[in-house]
C-alpha cells in the first residue's frame, strides 16, 4: 500500500482506518533493480498472484467486451471492459442502455478504430466498469460500484488506479469495505475519486485533488 494512499484514507475516510488487503499486496516479486512499468491496473491484476478468472465470451454480460473476476479481502470483484450508448443530447453514458454487441458486430470487431472517430465517440463510450459482492454470495448478483467516463474530444480521461479493502477501525464489529479509486486527469489538475462499497451493497464516494 502506497503510504500517501494510506494517509489519504485516514484523512478522508476514517482517521482510525486500517487497510486489510489491496492489489499491491498481491503483485509478484521481481528481481532487485528491475523496474516493472505497468500500462494499467488491469496489467497489474493479470501479473499478480491473485486467482484471476477470465470470463468466457458466452458468459459475458450485455455490453461487455471482456471481463475478469478476482478476490480482494472478503469481496469478489468483476473488472469489465464495456460499451454503452450515450444519452441523446448531453453525451452522458446511458447505463440502462449497454450495447448489444451481437446486433452491432462491427463495434465488437473494430472497437478501438471505430472509437478513434469523433462522430462514433459521440454515440458510444468504452468504459471500465467495476462491480462486486461479498464472497459469501458467490460470483452471482454483483452490485454496480463505478465506471470510468471519457470525454468526447479527449480533453480529459479517467482510469481505475487502485482497489483496496479497509475497516474503519480495528474493532471486530467493524465490517470490511471495498474501496475503488478512479483517477480523473485533465489539462490542469488531477482528481482521485474513491468509491466506498460496503457488505450491504451501499455505495458512497469522496474525492480529493491528487
Protein backbone atom coordinates (compact mmCIF):
# COMPACT_ATOMS: atom_id res chain seq x y z
CA UNK A 1 0.00 0.00 0.00
CA UNK A 2 1.34 3.40 -1.02
CA UNK A 3 1.92 5.49 2.14
CA UNK A 4 0.28 8.56 0.55
CA UNK A 5 -2.83 6.49 -0.21
CA UNK A 6 -2.94 5.18 3.35
CA UNK A 7 -2.69 8.67 4.83
CA UNK A 8 -5.39 9.90 2.44
CA UNK A 9 -7.74 7.08 3.50
CA UNK A 10 -7.19 8.02 7.14
CA UNK A 11 -7.77 11.69 6.38
CA UNK A 12 -10.75 11.47 4.01
CA UNK A 13 -12.46 8.21 5.03
CA UNK A 14 -11.70 7.40 8.67
CA UNK A 15 -8.91 8.59 10.99
CA UNK A 16 -8.75 5.12 12.58
CA UNK A 17 -8.85 3.19 9.28
CA UNK A 18 -6.83 0.03 8.77
CA UNK A 19 -6.06 -1.38 5.31
CA UNK A 20 -6.86 -5.09 5.13
CA UNK A 21 -6.00 -6.00 1.53
CA UNK A 22 -5.21 -4.47 -1.85
CA UNK A 23 -3.80 -5.04 -5.34
CA UNK A 24 -0.27 -4.07 -4.28
CA UNK A 25 -0.19 -6.86 -1.73
CA UNK A 26 -0.60 -9.45 -4.49
CA UNK A 27 1.98 -8.26 -7.00
CA UNK A 28 4.59 -10.86 -7.90
CA UNK A 29 8.13 -10.25 -6.60
CA UNK A 30 10.60 -9.19 -9.26
CA UNK A 31 14.38 -9.20 -9.32
CA UNK A 32 16.08 -6.39 -7.46
CA UNK A 33 16.80 -3.28 -9.55
CA UNK A 34 14.33 -4.38 -12.24
CA UNK A 35 11.68 -1.74 -12.86
CA UNK A 36 8.29 -3.02 -13.98
CA UNK A 37 6.19 -0.42 -15.82
CA UNK A 38 2.53 -1.45 -15.92
CA UNK A 39 0.29 0.09 -18.55
CA UNK A 40 -2.79 -0.11 -16.34
CA UNK A 41 -4.24 -1.56 -13.17
CA UNK A 42 -5.57 -4.39 -15.36
CA UNK A 43 -1.96 -5.28 -16.25
CA UNK A 44 -1.07 -5.39 -12.57
CA UNK A 45 -4.01 -7.65 -11.77
CA UNK A 46 -3.17 -10.07 -14.59
CA UNK A 47 0.50 -10.18 -13.48
CA UNK A 48 -0.35 -10.66 -9.80
CA UNK A 49 -0.70 -13.69 -7.55
CA UNK A 50 -4.47 -13.20 -7.45
CA UNK A 51 -6.60 -16.11 -8.60
CA UNK A 52 -7.97 -14.29 -11.64
CA UNK A 53 -10.85 -15.88 -13.53
CA UNK A 54 -11.19 -14.80 -17.16
CA UNK A 55 -14.87 -14.81 -18.13
CA UNK A 56 -15.67 -16.87 -21.23
CA UNK A 57 -17.22 -14.97 -24.12
CA UNK A 58 -20.51 -16.88 -23.78
CA UNK A 59 -20.79 -15.74 -20.14
CA UNK A 60 -20.16 -12.04 -20.76
CA UNK A 61 -22.94 -9.66 -19.77
CA UNK A 62 -24.73 -7.33 -22.20
CA UNK A 63 -22.29 -4.73 -23.50
CA UNK A 64 -19.15 -6.44 -22.19
CA UNK A 65 -16.15 -6.88 -24.47
CA UNK A 66 -14.20 -8.73 -21.77
CA UNK A 67 -14.31 -9.32 -18.03
CA UNK A 68 -12.30 -10.87 -15.22
CA UNK A 69 -13.27 -11.79 -11.66
CA UNK A 70 -10.90 -11.88 -8.68
CA UNK A 71 -10.98 -11.52 -4.91
CA UNK A 72 -9.67 -8.73 -2.69
CA UNK A 73 -10.30 -9.18 1.02
CA UNK A 74 -13.83 -10.51 1.51
CA UNK A 75 -15.12 -9.25 -1.88
CA UNK A 76 -15.49 -10.74 -5.34
CA UNK A 77 -14.76 -8.07 -7.96
CA UNK A 78 -15.76 -8.01 -11.62
CA UNK A 79 -13.48 -5.82 -13.74
CA UNK A 80 -15.06 -5.40 -17.17
CA UNK A 81 -14.45 -3.51 -20.40
CA UNK A 82 -17.91 -2.45 -21.55
CA UNK A 83 -19.58 -0.37 -24.28
CA UNK A 84 -22.61 1.86 -23.70
CA UNK A 85 -24.75 4.09 -25.84
CA UNK A 86 -24.58 7.74 -24.86
CA UNK A 87 -27.71 9.65 -23.89
CA UNK A 88 -29.10 11.84 -26.65
CA UNK A 89 -28.13 15.48 -26.40
CA UNK A 90 -25.74 15.52 -23.43
CA UNK A 91 -23.37 12.64 -24.32
CA UNK A 92 -23.57 11.15 -20.83
CA UNK A 93 -23.28 7.37 -20.64
CA UNK A 94 -26.68 5.67 -20.59
CA UNK A 95 -26.13 2.92 -18.02
CA UNK A 96 -29.57 1.50 -18.78
CA UNK A 97 -28.58 1.01 -22.40
CA UNK A 98 -25.44 -1.12 -22.89
CA UNK A 99 -24.77 -2.11 -26.47
CA UNK A 100 -25.96 -5.49 -27.70
CA UNK A 101 -22.71 -6.46 -29.40
CA UNK A 102 -24.38 -9.31 -31.28
CA UNK A 103 -26.63 -6.76 -33.02
CA UNK A 104 -23.76 -4.37 -33.77
CA UNK A 105 -20.89 -6.75 -34.60
CA UNK A 106 -18.81 -4.09 -36.36
CA UNK A 107 -18.22 -2.41 -32.98
CA UNK A 108 -17.19 -5.66 -31.33
CA UNK A 109 -14.72 -6.43 -34.12
CA UNK A 110 -13.35 -2.91 -34.61
CA UNK A 111 -13.96 -1.19 -31.29
CA UNK A 112 -10.83 0.92 -30.96
CA UNK A 113 -10.51 2.07 -34.60
CA UNK A 114 -14.21 2.99 -34.53
CA UNK A 115 -13.97 4.91 -31.26
CA UNK A 116 -10.94 6.82 -32.55
CA UNK A 117 -13.52 8.52 -34.76
CA UNK A 118 -15.02 11.68 -33.20
CA UNK A 119 -18.54 11.00 -34.53
CA UNK A 120 -18.57 7.50 -33.08
CA UNK A 121 -17.38 8.76 -29.70
CA UNK A 122 -20.46 10.99 -29.59
CA UNK A 123 -22.68 7.89 -29.78
CA UNK A 124 -20.72 5.19 -27.95
CA UNK A 125 -18.49 5.04 -24.88
CA UNK A 126 -15.99 2.35 -23.87
CA UNK A 127 -15.73 2.22 -20.08
CA UNK A 128 -14.06 0.17 -17.39
CA UNK A 129 -16.82 -0.96 -15.04
CA UNK A 130 -16.35 -2.31 -11.52
CA UNK A 131 -18.97 -4.40 -9.71
CA UNK A 132 -18.62 -6.58 -6.62
CA UNK A 133 -20.26 -8.52 -3.83
CA UNK A 134 -19.30 -10.20 -0.59
CA UNK A 135 -17.62 -13.57 -1.12
CA UNK A 136 -20.37 -15.24 0.94
CA UNK A 137 -22.67 -14.59 -2.06
CA UNK A 138 -20.50 -16.33 -4.65
CA UNK A 139 -20.00 -14.63 -8.02
CA UNK A 140 -23.69 -14.06 -8.78
CA UNK A 141 -25.71 -10.95 -8.02
CA UNK A 142 -22.93 -8.40 -8.07
CA UNK A 143 -23.61 -4.75 -7.31
CA UNK A 144 -22.50 -1.94 -9.63
CA UNK A 145 -19.92 0.32 -7.95
CA UNK A 146 -18.49 2.68 -10.56
CA UNK A 147 -17.22 3.07 -14.10
CA UNK A 148 -14.78 5.33 -15.89
CA UNK A 149 -16.03 8.05 -18.22
CA UNK A 150 -14.43 9.52 -21.29
CA UNK A 151 -14.53 12.94 -22.93
CA UNK A 152 -15.90 13.24 -26.45
CA UNK A 153 -12.99 15.41 -27.53
CA UNK A 154 -10.31 13.75 -25.45
CA UNK A 155 -9.68 16.78 -23.20
CA UNK A 156 -9.54 14.55 -20.10
CA UNK A 157 -9.54 10.88 -19.23
CA UNK A 158 -10.29 8.52 -16.33
CA UNK A 159 -8.73 5.21 -15.29
CA UNK A 160 -9.17 2.80 -12.38
CA UNK A 161 -5.99 3.23 -10.33
CA UNK A 162 -6.48 1.31 -7.07
CA UNK A 163 -8.67 -1.29 -5.36
CA UNK A 164 -8.32 -1.98 -1.63
CA UNK A 165 -10.32 -3.26 1.32
CA UNK A 166 -10.34 -1.48 4.67
CA UNK A 167 -12.08 -1.26 8.02
CA UNK A 168 -12.89 1.98 9.80
CA UNK A 169 -11.19 0.68 12.94
CA UNK A 170 -9.62 -2.45 14.38
CA UNK A 171 -12.87 -3.32 16.15
CA UNK A 172 -14.12 -6.83 15.42
CA UNK A 173 -17.60 -5.33 14.97
CA UNK A 174 -16.48 -3.15 12.05
CA UNK A 175 -17.31 -4.56 8.61
CA UNK A 176 -14.74 -4.62 5.83
CA UNK A 177 -15.38 -2.16 2.99
CA UNK A 178 -14.22 -2.26 -0.63
CA UNK A 179 -12.67 0.99 -1.88
CA UNK A 180 -12.15 1.65 -5.60
CA UNK A 181 -10.26 4.67 -6.94
CA UNK A 182 -10.91 6.22 -10.35
CA UNK A 183 -8.42 8.97 -11.19
CA UNK A 184 -9.58 11.84 -13.40
CA UNK A 185 -6.80 13.66 -15.28
CA UNK A 186 -7.36 16.93 -17.13
CA UNK A 187 -5.08 19.53 -18.63
CA UNK A 188 -4.57 21.45 -15.38
CA UNK A 189 -5.22 19.12 -12.47
CA UNK A 190 -5.93 15.56 -11.31
CA UNK A 191 -8.69 14.32 -9.01
CA UNK A 192 -8.88 10.95 -7.26
CA UNK A 193 -12.48 9.78 -6.86
CA UNK A 194 -12.88 6.98 -4.30
CA UNK A 195 -15.99 4.76 -4.18
CA UNK A 196 -16.80 3.11 -0.86
CA UNK A 197 -18.79 -0.15 -1.13
CA UNK A 198 -20.00 -1.95 2.00
CA UNK A 199 -21.17 -5.50 2.60
CA UNK A 200 -24.84 -4.44 2.38
CA UNK A 201 -24.41 -3.13 -1.17
CA UNK A 202 -24.32 0.59 -0.37
CA UNK A 203 -22.02 2.91 -2.35
CA UNK A 204 -20.79 6.33 -1.23
CA UNK A 205 -17.88 8.39 -2.55
CA UNK A 206 -15.33 11.05 -1.70
CA UNK A 207 -12.77 12.95 -3.77
CA UNK A 208 -9.52 14.84 -3.34
CA UNK A 209 -7.02 16.68 -5.53
CA UNK A 210 -4.27 14.19 -6.33
